[in-house]
Amino acid sequence: MRRLIFALSIILICTATTPGQRPRFINIEGPDLKSRIDTATQQARGQQSPFWTAHAFDVRPGVAVDADLRDFNGSTDVISDTSISIGTSRGYTVETRNLAVFLLHDQTSGSVSRIEVYNLDRVREYAGYPVYWLGRAANEESLNLLAGLVGSAQPGKIAEHAVMAIGLHDDRRVAGMLKGYVHSSSDDKVRGAAVFWLGQIGGEQAFLSDLLRSDRETVSIRKKAAYAIGVSKDASALSTLEAAYATVTPRELKRTIIFAISINDSKDAAVDFLIKVATGDSDVELKKQAIFWLGQRAGERSLKVLGDTAGSEADTEVQKQAVFAISRRPKDEAVPLLIKIAKTHPKAEVRKQAMFWLGRTGDPRAIDFFREVLKN
């Protein structure tokens, strides 16, 4: 599931590119964005293929869209079929500032059939279609254009993609627009996209918490609210999720809250919560979920809890989950503990699980252990 972030075709693929290069665009002049789009449509009429119009906008800080991630070491948040990375690379923030909204138009009617947000510092072919460059748009006219597409009755994912593009704008009006879509849209994908971006822009914990706790909401939207809270940078995010975990009832939703807490930036507090669920929750499936994500957290505390759980009097399935989580740790941590479990655990099923994961490591210490077993 991790990580991360919606089908604007914001594709995070490491490819060799030269920043600043791009095919020749057709420059369009005009007093405002609408008139420039009209001019481009008139010029393109009669062409043999669809055409793009593209305009730059004020980009929200801290997001990396269509980035060159060869040195990327941060997190990637994934929603639907688009990836947006948010993180750091070698100590600096990974972000892309030179973005543009691309609209693909039908060559006859001029209607929009596709929305993309592309990084202009990356080279691409734009599907071989001509690009009419509209320059930089003022936030208001860019947001109005996208809002019109959200409200349109056009088929496909246009409305959802338009919400994503709105969320990328650095503008105080964005939060209100997104909350409006959550309240009024009948499309769950549009609502989910809006919920995600409310987590990214910050300051909307109360709104997201209300969604998460509301029994009137679909589980899908409540899960997206939990995730949005988890990836947000708000200081109250973890406490909000912990409080919700204690009150919501659907297991599926609780599982998402566990995941959202596991990816929150408050690492020590997240581990505390995961340990609490892993060792004390009465629901075996939720214990297993907490153990899994505890295994993704580095640190001696996490490893000790996993080892204690694997060797405790816990349910066999919980112990096997702990063994699996141990196997996901670095070899120098995992192999000695797996060998110990394989040698000494009282349950044959758990010993077998430890031996299975030892065999997958290919580590010389595991090979020596198997040689010893075969001799005996």
Protein backbone atom coordinates (compact mmCIF):
# COMPACT_ATOMS: atom_id res chain seq x y z
CA MET A 1 0.00 0.00 0.00
CA ARG A 2 2.79 2.39 0.90
CA ARG A 3 3.38 4.95 -0.64
CA LEU A 4 1.98 7.12 -0.91
CA ILE A 5 -0.56 9.44 -3.85
CA PHE A 6 -4.54 9.98 -8.77
CA ALA A 7 -4.66 9.67 -12.50
CA LEU A 8 -3.32 12.93 -13.80
CA SER A 9 -0.75 10.60 -15.33
CA ILE A 10 1.68 12.12 -12.88
CA ILE A 11 4.08 9.27 -13.48
CA LEU A 12 7.05 8.91 -11.14
CA ILE A 13 9.49 6.94 -13.29
CA CYS A 14 13.26 7.34 -13.21
CA THR A 15 14.31 8.10 -16.75
CA ALA A 16 17.26 9.96 -18.12
CA THR A 17 16.13 13.44 -19.12
CA THR A 18 17.67 16.81 -19.68
CA PRO A 19 15.96 19.53 -17.60
CA GLY A 20 14.54 22.41 -19.55
CA GLN A 21 14.23 20.64 -22.92
CA ARG A 22 10.82 20.39 -24.54
CA PRO A 23 9.35 20.25 -28.04
CA ARG A 24 8.49 23.50 -29.74
CA PHE A 25 5.11 24.77 -28.52
CA ILE A 26 2.77 26.99 -30.51
CA ASN A 27 2.52 30.27 -28.58
CA ILE A 28 -0.96 31.76 -28.24
CA GLU A 29 -1.57 35.37 -27.21
CA GLY A 30 -4.70 36.88 -25.73
CA PRO A 31 -6.02 38.98 -22.84
CA ASP A 32 -7.12 36.05 -20.67
CA LEU A 33 -7.05 32.26 -20.47
CA LYS A 34 -10.46 31.70 -22.03
CA SER A 35 -9.71 33.84 -25.05
CA ARG A 36 -6.38 32.07 -25.56
CA ILE A 37 -8.11 28.67 -25.46
CA ASP A 38 -10.69 29.93 -27.98
CA THR A 39 -7.90 31.16 -30.26
CA ALA A 40 -6.07 27.83 -30.02
CA THR A 41 -9.29 25.96 -30.81
CA GLN A 42 -9.88 28.09 -33.89
CA GLN A 43 -6.32 27.61 -35.11
CA ALA A 44 -6.46 23.85 -34.55
CA ARG A 45 -9.82 23.36 -36.26
CA GLY A 46 -9.50 21.10 -39.25
CA GLN A 47 -6.33 19.39 -38.00
CA GLN A 48 -6.04 15.64 -38.43
CA SER A 49 -5.44 14.91 -34.75
CA PRO A 50 -6.43 16.09 -31.29
CA PHE A 51 -4.43 18.94 -29.80
CA TRP A 52 -3.28 20.11 -26.38
CA THR A 53 -3.68 23.46 -24.71
CA ALA A 54 -1.32 24.02 -21.80
CA HIS A 55 -0.91 26.71 -19.16
CA ALA A 56 1.38 27.18 -16.19
CA PHE A 57 0.03 27.95 -12.70
CA ASP A 58 1.14 28.68 -9.14
CA VAL A 59 2.22 25.29 -7.76
CA ARG A 60 1.70 24.17 -4.18
CA PRO A 61 5.08 23.76 -2.42
CA GLY A 62 6.36 20.35 -1.39
CA VAL A 63 4.98 18.14 -4.17
CA ALA A 64 7.02 16.41 -6.86
CA VAL A 65 5.08 15.72 -10.05
CA ASP A 66 6.51 13.79 -12.98
CA ALA A 67 9.90 14.14 -11.30
CA ASP A 68 13.28 12.62 -12.07
CA LEU A 69 13.59 10.40 -8.99
CA ARG A 70 17.00 8.81 -9.50
CA ASP A 71 18.15 10.28 -6.17
CA PHE A 72 14.76 10.17 -4.46
CA ASN A 73 14.72 8.81 -0.90
CA GLY A 74 11.42 10.17 0.37
CA SER A 75 7.89 8.82 0.43
CA THR A 76 5.47 8.35 -2.42
CA ASP A 77 1.76 8.69 -1.78
CA VAL A 78 -0.44 6.81 -4.22
CA ILE A 79 -4.14 7.35 -4.79
CA SER A 80 -5.99 5.71 -7.68
CA ASP A 81 -3.61 5.37 -10.65
CA THR A 82 -1.45 8.44 -10.22
CA SER A 83 1.63 8.84 -8.04
CA ILE A 84 2.64 12.08 -6.37
CA SER A 85 5.81 12.05 -4.35
CA ILE A 86 6.24 14.05 -1.19
CA GLY A 87 9.51 13.75 0.63
CA THR A 88 13.18 14.56 0.70
CA SER A 89 16.18 13.48 -1.31
CA ARG A 90 19.60 13.69 0.27
CA GLY A 91 18.48 16.32 2.71
CA TYR A 92 16.55 18.64 0.41
CA THR A 93 12.85 18.81 -0.35
CA VAL A 94 11.77 17.01 -3.49
CA GLU A 95 9.42 19.28 -5.36
CA THR A 96 8.69 20.42 -8.89
CA ARG A 97 7.82 24.03 -9.48
CA ASN A 98 7.62 24.22 -13.27
CA LEU A 99 4.30 22.49 -13.87
CA ALA A 100 1.52 23.04 -16.38
CA VAL A 101 -2.05 21.83 -16.87
CA PHE A 102 -2.47 20.12 -20.23
CA LEU A 103 -5.94 19.70 -21.73
CA LEU A 104 -6.39 17.38 -24.71
CA HIS A 105 -9.07 18.68 -27.09
CA ASP A 106 -11.02 17.07 -29.89
CA GLN A 107 -9.88 18.57 -33.20
CA THR A 108 -13.44 19.15 -34.41
CA SER A 109 -15.49 20.22 -31.40
CA GLY A 110 -12.69 21.47 -29.14
CA SER A 111 -14.15 19.52 -26.21
CA VAL A 112 -11.74 18.27 -23.53
CA SER A 113 -11.12 14.51 -23.44
CA ARG A 114 -8.16 14.30 -21.07
CA ILE A 115 -6.37 16.28 -18.36
CA GLU A 116 -2.72 15.92 -17.41
CA VAL A 117 -0.30 17.83 -15.22
CA TYR A 118 3.23 17.63 -16.56
CA ASN A 119 6.62 18.79 -15.39
CA LEU A 120 7.92 21.13 -18.07
CA ASP A 121 11.51 20.29 -17.10
CA ARG A 122 11.02 16.74 -18.38
CA VAL A 123 11.17 15.73 -22.03
CA ARG A 124 8.09 14.06 -23.48
CA GLU A 125 6.36 13.65 -26.82
CA TYR A 126 2.82 14.63 -25.69
CA ALA A 127 1.46 11.62 -27.63
CA GLY A 128 2.61 13.26 -30.84
CA TYR A 129 -0.10 15.92 -30.69
CA PRO A 130 0.55 19.65 -31.15
CA VAL A 131 0.71 21.77 -27.99
CA TYR A 132 -0.71 25.30 -27.95
CA TRP A 133 1.08 27.16 -25.16
CA LEU A 134 -1.15 29.64 -23.30
CA GLY A 135 1.48 31.03 -20.93
CA ARG A 136 0.94 31.45 -17.21
CA ALA A 137 -2.65 31.73 -16.05
CA ALA A 138 -3.79 33.68 -13.02
CA ASN A 139 -4.93 31.37 -10.26
CA GLU A 140 -8.54 32.50 -10.45
CA GLU A 141 -8.94 31.79 -14.16
CA SER A 142 -7.07 28.48 -13.91
CA LEU A 143 -9.21 27.34 -10.97
CA ASN A 144 -12.40 28.49 -12.68
CA LEU A 145 -11.49 26.53 -15.81
CA LEU A 146 -10.82 23.35 -13.79
CA ALA A 147 -13.93 23.83 -11.66
CA GLY A 148 -15.98 23.95 -14.84
CA LEU A 149 -14.48 20.61 -15.88
CA VAL A 150 -15.26 19.09 -12.48
CA GLY A 151 -18.88 20.12 -12.93
CA SER A 152 -19.11 18.99 -16.54
CA ALA A 153 -20.96 15.89 -17.63
CA GLN A 154 -18.11 14.67 -19.82
CA PRO A 155 -17.29 10.94 -19.64
CA GLY A 156 -14.21 9.32 -18.17
CA LYS A 157 -12.03 10.59 -15.36
CA ILE A 158 -11.97 14.25 -16.36
CA ALA A 159 -13.69 15.50 -13.21
CA GLU A 160 -11.43 13.46 -10.93
CA HIS A 161 -8.31 14.65 -12.74
CA ALA A 162 -9.50 18.25 -12.60
CA VAL A 163 -9.79 17.96 -8.80
CA MET A 164 -6.18 16.75 -8.68
CA ALA A 165 -5.05 19.73 -10.71
CA ILE A 166 -6.99 22.06 -8.40
CA GLY A 167 -5.28 20.48 -5.39
CA LEU A 168 -1.87 21.26 -6.88
CA HIS A 169 -2.60 25.00 -6.98
CA ASP A 170 -1.09 27.22 -4.31
CA ASP A 171 -4.17 29.27 -3.48
CA ARG A 172 -6.24 29.92 -0.34
CA ARG A 173 -9.47 29.15 -2.24
CA VAL A 174 -8.48 25.53 -2.85
CA ALA A 175 -9.57 24.21 0.58
CA GLY A 176 -13.08 25.60 0.21
CA MET A 177 -13.41 24.19 -3.31
CA LEU A 178 -12.27 20.75 -2.19
CA LYS A 179 -14.65 20.68 0.77
CA GLY A 180 -17.43 21.71 -1.58
CA TYR A 181 -16.72 18.65 -3.76
CA VAL A 182 -16.72 16.38 -0.71
CA HIS A 183 -20.14 17.70 0.28
CA SER A 184 -21.80 17.96 -3.12
CA SER A 185 -20.29 15.50 -5.59
CA SER A 186 -22.03 12.20 -6.31
CA ASP A 187 -18.79 10.72 -7.67
CA ASP A 188 -16.81 8.86 -4.99
CA LYS A 189 -13.58 9.22 -6.98
CA VAL A 190 -14.00 12.99 -7.10
CA ARG A 191 -14.78 13.05 -3.39
CA GLY A 192 -11.82 10.81 -2.60
CA ALA A 193 -9.46 13.00 -4.59
CA ALA A 194 -10.72 16.06 -2.74
CA VAL A 195 -10.26 14.33 0.63
CA PHE A 196 -6.68 13.40 -0.24
CA TRP A 197 -5.72 16.97 -1.12
CA LEU A 198 -7.35 18.34 2.00
CA GLY A 199 -4.78 16.28 3.90
CA GLN A 200 -1.96 17.69 1.79
CA ILE A 201 -2.82 21.36 2.16
CA GLY A 202 -3.01 21.10 5.98
CA GLY A 203 -5.18 22.79 8.54
CA GLU A 204 -8.22 20.61 7.82
CA GLN A 205 -7.90 18.03 10.60
CA ALA A 206 -11.31 18.82 12.10
CA PHE A 207 -13.06 18.39 8.74
CA LEU A 208 -11.22 15.14 7.98
CA SER A 209 -11.82 13.82 11.49
CA ASP A 210 -15.56 14.42 11.12
CA LEU A 211 -15.52 12.43 7.86
CA LEU A 212 -13.56 9.61 9.48
CA ARG A 213 -15.97 9.29 12.39
CA SER A 214 -19.22 9.75 10.45
CA ASP A 215 -21.36 6.62 10.22
CA ARG A 216 -23.31 8.37 7.47
CA GLU A 217 -20.28 8.34 5.19
CA THR A 218 -19.20 5.42 3.02
CA VAL A 219 -16.37 3.30 4.40
CA SER A 220 -14.38 4.18 1.28
CA ILE A 221 -14.46 7.92 2.01
CA ARG A 222 -13.78 7.33 5.71
CA LYS A 223 -10.71 5.28 4.78
CA LYS A 224 -9.47 8.04 2.49
CA ALA A 225 -9.95 10.55 5.32
CA ALA A 226 -7.86 8.36 7.64
CA TYR A 227 -5.11 8.13 5.04
CA ALA A 228 -5.22 11.87 4.39
CA ILE A 229 -4.80 12.56 8.10
CA GLY A 230 -1.92 10.09 8.33
CA VAL A 231 0.13 11.67 5.53
CA SER A 232 -0.59 15.22 6.62
CA LYS A 233 2.02 17.29 8.39
CA ASP A 234 -0.38 18.54 11.06
CA ALA A 235 0.92 18.05 14.60
CA SER A 236 -2.45 16.70 15.77
CA ALA A 237 -2.67 14.02 13.07
CA LEU A 238 -1.58 11.05 15.16
CA SER A 239 -3.70 11.90 18.19
CA THR A 240 -6.70 12.39 15.88
CA LEU A 241 -6.21 8.92 14.41
CA GLU A 242 -5.66 7.30 17.81
CA ALA A 243 -8.89 8.80 19.15
CA ALA A 244 -10.79 7.65 16.07
CA TYR A 245 -9.42 4.10 16.38
CA ALA A 246 -10.97 3.82 19.82
CA THR A 247 -14.45 4.81 18.61
CA VAL A 248 -14.98 3.53 15.03
CA THR A 249 -16.29 0.00 14.59
CA PRO A 250 -15.70 -1.34 11.03
CA ARG A 251 -12.61 -3.56 11.07
CA GLU A 252 -11.71 -2.44 7.55
CA LEU A 253 -11.61 1.15 8.76
CA LYS A 254 -9.53 0.27 11.81
CA ARG A 255 -7.02 -1.47 9.53
CA THR A 256 -6.67 1.71 7.49
CA ILE A 257 -6.18 3.77 10.66
CA ILE A 258 -3.38 1.40 11.73
CA PHE A 259 -1.73 1.87 8.34
CA ALA A 260 -2.21 5.65 8.41
CA ILE A 261 -0.59 5.83 11.85
CA SER A 262 2.30 3.65 10.69
CA ILE A 263 3.23 6.16 7.96
CA ASN A 264 2.83 9.29 10.07
CA ASP A 265 5.91 11.43 10.65
CA SER A 266 5.58 11.11 14.45
CA LYS A 267 7.67 7.95 14.38
CA ASP A 268 8.12 7.24 18.10
CA ALA A 269 4.46 7.83 18.89
CA ALA A 270 3.45 5.69 15.90
CA VAL A 271 5.57 2.81 17.21
CA ASP A 272 3.98 3.22 20.66
CA PHE A 273 0.53 2.85 19.11
CA LEU A 274 1.50 -0.13 16.96
CA ILE A 275 3.00 -1.89 19.99
CA LYS A 276 -0.18 -1.21 21.97
CA VAL A 277 -2.36 -2.79 19.27
CA ALA A 278 0.07 -5.63 18.57
CA THR A 279 0.23 -6.66 22.21
CA GLY A 280 -3.16 -5.69 23.59
CA ASP A 281 -5.92 -5.57 20.98
CA SER A 282 -8.55 -8.29 21.31
CA ASP A 283 -9.00 -8.57 17.52
CA VAL A 284 -6.47 -11.05 16.09
CA GLU A 285 -6.67 -9.58 12.57
CA LEU A 286 -5.93 -6.09 13.85
CA LYS A 287 -3.04 -7.41 15.95
CA LYS A 288 -1.60 -9.01 12.82
CA GLN A 289 -1.99 -5.75 10.91
CA ALA A 290 -0.16 -3.80 13.63
CA ILE A 291 2.60 -6.42 13.73
CA PHE A 292 3.06 -6.18 9.97
CA TRP A 293 3.51 -2.41 10.03
CA LEU A 294 5.63 -2.62 13.15
CA GLY A 295 7.95 -4.76 11.07
CA GLN A 296 8.37 -1.88 8.63
CA ARG A 297 9.56 0.43 11.39
CA ALA A 298 13.29 0.36 12.08
CA GLY A 299 14.56 0.34 15.64
CA GLU A 300 15.44 -1.96 18.51
CA ARG A 301 12.04 -1.44 20.20
CA SER A 302 10.17 -2.72 17.16
CA LEU A 303 12.42 -5.74 16.80
CA LYS A 304 12.13 -6.63 20.48
CA VAL A 305 8.33 -6.53 20.36
CA LEU A 306 8.31 -8.71 17.25
CA GLY A 307 10.64 -11.21 18.89
CA ASP A 308 8.61 -11.24 22.09
CA THR A 309 5.37 -11.71 20.15
CA ALA A 310 6.79 -14.56 18.07
CA GLY A 311 7.91 -16.34 21.23
CA SER A 312 4.95 -15.56 23.44
CA GLU A 313 1.83 -17.54 24.23
CA ALA A 314 -0.07 -15.55 21.61
CA ASP A 315 -2.36 -17.02 18.96
CA THR A 316 -0.38 -19.12 16.45
CA GLU A 317 -1.43 -16.94 13.52
CA VAL A 318 -0.26 -13.84 15.38
CA GLN A 319 3.08 -15.53 16.09
CA LYS A 320 3.46 -16.46 12.43
CA GLN A 321 2.71 -12.88 11.44
CA ALA A 322 5.44 -11.72 13.82
CA VAL A 323 7.88 -14.15 12.18
CA PHE A 324 6.96 -12.76 8.78
CA ALA A 325 7.45 -9.18 10.03
CA ILE A 326 10.87 -10.15 11.40
CA SER A 327 11.79 -11.58 7.99
CA ARG A 328 11.19 -8.15 6.43
CA ARG A 329 13.86 -6.54 8.57
CA PRO A 330 17.50 -6.16 7.44
CA LYS A 331 19.30 -9.50 7.38
CA ASP A 332 21.63 -8.69 10.26
CA GLU A 333 18.55 -8.17 12.44
CA ALA A 334 16.31 -10.85 10.99
CA VAL A 335 18.55 -13.87 10.46
CA PRO A 336 19.79 -14.41 14.06
CA LEU A 337 16.26 -14.02 15.45
CA LEU A 338 14.75 -16.33 12.83
CA ILE A 339 17.40 -18.96 13.60
CA LYS A 340 16.60 -18.70 17.30
CA ILE A 341 12.87 -19.15 16.63
CA ALA A 342 13.51 -22.05 14.24
CA LYS A 343 15.62 -23.78 16.88
CA THR A 344 13.67 -23.17 20.04
CA HIS A 345 10.04 -22.31 19.42
CA PRO A 346 7.66 -24.86 20.97
CA LYS A 347 5.19 -24.77 18.04
CA ALA A 348 6.13 -26.68 14.91
CA GLU A 349 4.10 -24.34 12.69
CA VAL A 350 6.02 -21.30 13.91
CA ARG A 351 9.39 -23.10 13.56
CA LYS A 352 8.42 -24.06 10.02
CA GLN A 353 7.51 -20.45 9.24
CA ALA A 354 10.88 -19.22 10.54
CA MET A 355 12.72 -21.82 8.45
CA PHE A 356 10.75 -20.86 5.35
CA TRP A 357 11.75 -17.21 5.65
CA LEU A 358 15.34 -18.14 6.50
CA GLY A 359 15.48 -20.05 3.24
CA ARG A 360 14.40 -16.93 1.38
CA THR A 361 17.25 -14.82 2.77
CA GLY A 362 20.11 -16.67 1.06
CA ASP A 363 22.24 -15.60 4.00
CA PRO A 364 25.34 -17.75 4.80
CA ARG A 365 24.20 -18.00 8.43
CA ALA A 366 20.91 -19.49 7.28
CA ILE A 367 22.75 -21.96 5.05
CA ASP A 368 24.94 -23.04 7.98
CA PHE A 369 21.80 -23.53 10.07
CA PHE A 370 20.20 -25.77 7.43
CA ARG A 371 23.39 -27.81 7.16
CA GLU A 372 23.26 -28.35 10.89
CA VAL A 373 19.61 -29.39 10.71
CA LEU A 374 20.28 -31.87 7.88
CA LYS A 375 23.17 -33.47 9.77
CA ASN A 376 20.91 -34.13 12.73
